[in-house]
Amino acid sequence: MADTMTATRPAWEELTESGDGRQLRGRPDWTDVLFFIILSLGTVYALVVYNDAMDIYEKVILVSMVPSVVWLGWLWRPLRTMLVVSALTVFFALWLYDADISKADTSFFLKYLFSSQSAILWMCTLFMVATVCYWVGLFSQTAAWLGTAFTWGAVYIGAVGLLVRWRESHLMGPELGRIPVSNLYEVFVLFCLVTALFYLYYERRYATRALGGFVMLVVTTSVVFLLWYSFTRDAYEIEPLVPALKSWWMKIHVPANFIGYGTFSLAAMVGFAYLIKENGETRSWLKLAPLFILGVLLAAEPLVFSSGKVSATWTIYFGFGAVVVGTILAFRGPISRRLPSFEILDDIMYRAIAIGFAFFTVATILGALWAADAWGAYWQWDPKETWALIVWLNYAAWLHLRLMKGLRGTVAAYWALVGLLITAFAFLGVNMFLSGLHSYGEL
C-alpha cells in the first residue's frame, strides 16, 4: 500500500527520503515566495475592505498568521494548495452575497454549496464517505486513494464553511460579527478539520493510508454529533455571544485548545491501530477484552452526554459503534497485516501527543490570562479548569515517561486511548454534569 503514496512528484517539490522512509522537505523556492506574496496581498485586501469589521486584535492575529502559514506551506505543499483554493472559493461566495445575507436562499451556489450551513453539511457527508473508503482501502488501493481525496474535499469545503460563516455573522449585524470558534457547533467543525489535517500530514509523511479508517472513526463520531446537535437544537443559527465570550482572548485560546484535542484524538486512534496490530494473531478474546471495553466506552460517551436523556439517535449510535469495534477486532488478522510497522505507529503517536501537549499548554496559559481579565483571578478551580489540568497532567506524565523512561508499545497505546476518554469528558462531560463558570457551554 505504501507504493500508492510514493509516485513520482514534480521536481520543484524537492522531496527526499529519510532513513525511515519519511518524506523531508528541501529548500524554499520561488513558489514559496509567490505564496508569501499572495498571502500578503490577501491580508492587505482584508485589512482595507473589512477594516471596520475587525478589532485591533483580529488585525494583529491576521498579520502574524502570514509568516506562520507561509512556513506551513513550505513544510507541507498540499496544505498550500488547499488554502489557495479555499480562499478563491470564499471570495467567490462573498461576491455572490454582495453584502446581502438574504442571497443565501436565492443564489443557487450559496444555497446548495457555499453558504456556511451548506458547506458544513457537505463536509459532514464527505468525511463519512472518506471513512468508508479508507476501510475498504485496506484491501483496495483505489478505495484508499478515494479516502484521501474525499478527506481533502471535506477539509476544503469545511474550511470554506467556517470562513463564510465568519462573514455571514457580520452581514447579519455588527453585534453578531465574530470569529467562528465561539460555540459548540463551530468548534466541532474546527475539531474535525484539525484532526483530519493532522492525519493527512502524517499520511503523506509516512507514506501510508492504512490509518485513515481508524482516525476517521473519531472524525465521523464528531460529524454525527454535529448533525444531531444541528438538527435537534438549531445550533447552526448565528446568535449573539454571551458576555463572557466577548473577548479577544477567545480568538487564540480556542484554536490552540482544539489543536490539542485534535492531535490527542489522532494519537488515541493510532494507539488503537497499534493494539490491533499487536493482537493481530491473538486467538484469546480474553486478552482482547480490555481493548473491546475501551472501544465500547468511547462509543458510549455520546450516549452519556446526550443531556441525560436516553436518545434514540445515540442509542443506535452506541449499538453501531459497539458492532464496529467488534468487527475490527474480529478481522484483526488481515487488518493488522496492512498496518505500518510498530515503529511508525509509535512515532506518530508520540509526535501527535507532543504537538497536542505543546498547544494545550499554550491554550491553558491563555485561558488563565483570559480568566484573570474576565473574572479577576488566573485560577479558581472551576470544574472546566480542573479537568483541563487533569488532561494536561495526563499527557505530561505520558511524555515524561516516554522521554525519561522510554515508554513504548502496549502501555503507551492503552494510555493514549484512556487519554481520549479523559479529554472527551473535559471537553463535553464537564459542561453536562458539573456546573461552574464555564456552564455557558452546556448542551
Foldseek 3Di string as FASTA:
>chain_A
DLVLQDDDDDVQQVWDADPLGFTFGDDDDVVLVVLLVVLVVVLVVCCVPVVVLDDPLVNVVSVVCSVVVSVVCRGPVVVSVLVVVLVVLLVVVCVQCVLPLVCCVVDPCNVQAQALVNLLVLLLVLLVQLLVLLVVCLVPVVSLVSSLVSLSSSLSSLVSSQVNVQVSLVSVDSQLHDRQLQAPLSLLSVLLNLLSVLVSVLCNRNSHSLLVNLSSVVSNVSSLVNVVCCVVPVVVDRDGHDPLRPDSLCVQLRSLLSNLLSLLSSLLSLLLLLVLLVCLPPPDVVVVVVVLVLQLVVLCVVCPLPLNDRDPSSVVSSVVSSVVSVVCSVNSNSSSVSDDDQVSSFVSSLVSLVSSLVSLVVSLQSCLVSCCVRPVGSDDVWVLNVLSVVLNVLSVVLNCCCVPVVDGGNVSNVSSSVSSVSVVCSVRVCLNPPDGPPVVRHD
